[in-house]
Protein backbone atom coordinates (compact mmCIF):
# COMPACT_ATOMS: atom_id res chain seq x y z
CA UNK A 1 63.70 101.31 138.69
CA UNK A 2 63.45 99.51 135.62
CA UNK A 3 65.79 101.81 133.89
CA UNK A 4 68.38 102.20 136.61
CA UNK A 5 68.43 98.65 138.11
CA UNK A 6 66.77 96.60 135.48
CA UNK A 7 64.16 95.52 138.37
CA UNK A 8 60.93 97.22 137.61
CA UNK A 9 58.95 93.91 137.33
CA UNK A 10 59.15 93.16 140.88
CA UNK A 11 57.73 96.18 142.43
CA UNK A 12 54.83 96.31 139.65
CA UNK A 13 54.05 92.73 140.19
CA UNK A 14 53.78 93.35 144.41
CA UNK A 15 51.65 96.28 143.80
CA UNK A 16 49.46 94.11 141.44
CA UNK A 17 49.14 91.39 144.22
CA UNK A 18 48.72 94.20 146.82
CA UNK A 19 45.79 95.93 145.14
CA UNK A 20 44.16 92.74 143.92
CA UNK A 21 44.82 93.81 140.49
CA UNK A 22 43.29 91.00 137.68
CA UNK A 23 46.01 89.07 136.20
CA UNK A 24 44.85 89.83 132.78
CA UNK A 25 44.55 93.57 133.35
CA UNK A 26 48.01 93.25 134.96
CA UNK A 27 49.72 91.59 132.14
CA UNK A 28 48.30 94.04 129.48
CA UNK A 29 49.26 97.18 131.56
CA UNK A 30 52.48 95.82 132.37
CA UNK A 31 53.33 95.13 128.83
CA UNK A 32 52.78 98.51 127.80
CA UNK A 33 54.50 99.99 131.15
CA UNK A 34 57.52 97.92 130.04
CA UNK A 35 57.46 99.10 126.55
CA UNK A 36 57.17 102.80 127.48
CA UNK A 37 59.81 102.52 130.03
CA UNK A 38 62.15 100.33 127.65
CA UNK A 39 61.67 102.84 125.00
CA UNK A 40 62.49 105.98 127.36
CA UNK A 41 65.49 104.26 128.73
CA UNK A 42 66.97 103.60 125.08
CA UNK A 43 66.23 107.41 124.33
CA UNK A 44 68.02 108.25 127.54
CA UNK A 45 71.14 105.90 127.31
CA UNK A 46 71.13 104.55 123.75
CA UNK A 47 71.21 101.29 122.31
CA UNK A 48 73.43 98.81 124.04
CA UNK A 49 76.43 97.81 122.05
CA UNK A 50 75.92 93.98 121.27
CA UNK A 51 77.33 91.93 118.41
CA UNK A 52 74.94 90.93 115.45
CA UNK A 53 74.48 87.57 116.87
CA UNK A 54 73.23 88.99 120.16
CA UNK A 55 70.62 91.24 118.27
CA UNK A 56 69.30 88.19 116.32
CA UNK A 57 69.26 85.88 119.34
CA UNK A 58 67.33 88.83 121.16
CA UNK A 59 64.90 89.22 118.54
CA UNK A 60 64.32 85.50 118.14
CA UNK A 61 63.71 85.29 121.94
CA UNK A 62 61.27 88.28 121.64
CA UNK A 63 59.38 86.33 118.88
CA UNK A 64 59.28 83.08 120.65
CA UNK A 65 58.05 84.73 123.69
CA UNK A 66 55.09 86.49 121.96
CA UNK A 67 54.03 83.46 120.22
CA UNK A 68 54.16 81.22 123.33
CA UNK A 69 52.47 83.88 125.68
CA UNK A 70 49.79 84.02 122.85
CA UNK A 71 49.34 80.17 122.78
CA UNK A 72 49.43 79.86 126.64
CA UNK A 73 47.15 82.92 127.26
CA UNK A 74 44.14 80.77 126.54
CA UNK A 75 45.18 77.77 128.41
CA UNK A 76 46.73 79.08 131.70
CA UNK A 77 44.49 79.74 134.49
CA UNK A 78 44.84 83.20 135.84
CA UNK A 79 46.17 81.79 139.34
CA UNK A 80 48.82 79.88 137.63
CA UNK A 81 49.82 83.10 135.53
CA UNK A 82 49.81 85.12 138.77
CA UNK A 83 51.87 82.46 140.52
CA UNK A 84 54.52 82.46 137.82
CA UNK A 85 54.84 86.01 137.62
CA UNK A 86 55.27 86.24 141.31
CA UNK A 87 57.79 83.35 141.19
CA UNK A 88 59.73 85.47 138.22
CA UNK A 89 59.51 88.49 140.28
CA UNK A 90 61.13 86.86 143.51
CA UNK A 91 64.02 85.36 140.93
CA UNK A 92 64.42 88.72 139.46
CA UNK A 93 64.63 90.40 143.01
CA UNK A 94 67.07 88.01 144.46
CA UNK A 95 69.32 88.34 141.36
CA UNK A 96 69.50 92.03 141.64
CA UNK A 97 70.22 91.93 145.04
CA UNK A 98 72.99 89.33 144.68
CA UNK A 99 74.43 91.39 141.81
CA UNK A 100 74.49 94.44 144.21
CA UNK A 101 76.07 92.61 147.02
CA UNK A 102 78.69 91.19 144.73
CA UNK A 103 79.39 94.66 143.00
CA UNK A 104 79.05 93.40 139.44
């Protein structure tokens, strides 16, 4: 689902909740899973054609996200992290459905 519809996160998050997967283990596994799936997607489809500015912004966003995640991991409770993951999964799911309905 991640490679075809960019919507792999919601399914994995729902699975984590349904199986009572501990949040820390889920987060670590999800990172590895999305790295492997993303790499396979790029290998199959090739890199997207983005401007140099877009690549720089994407790399900066990745760095900021990694840094913020590292700092917040020790300060955010597992319940808060799980709630945030579910909220992001819900937003991603709704966006995917709206995108599909609108045919964009």
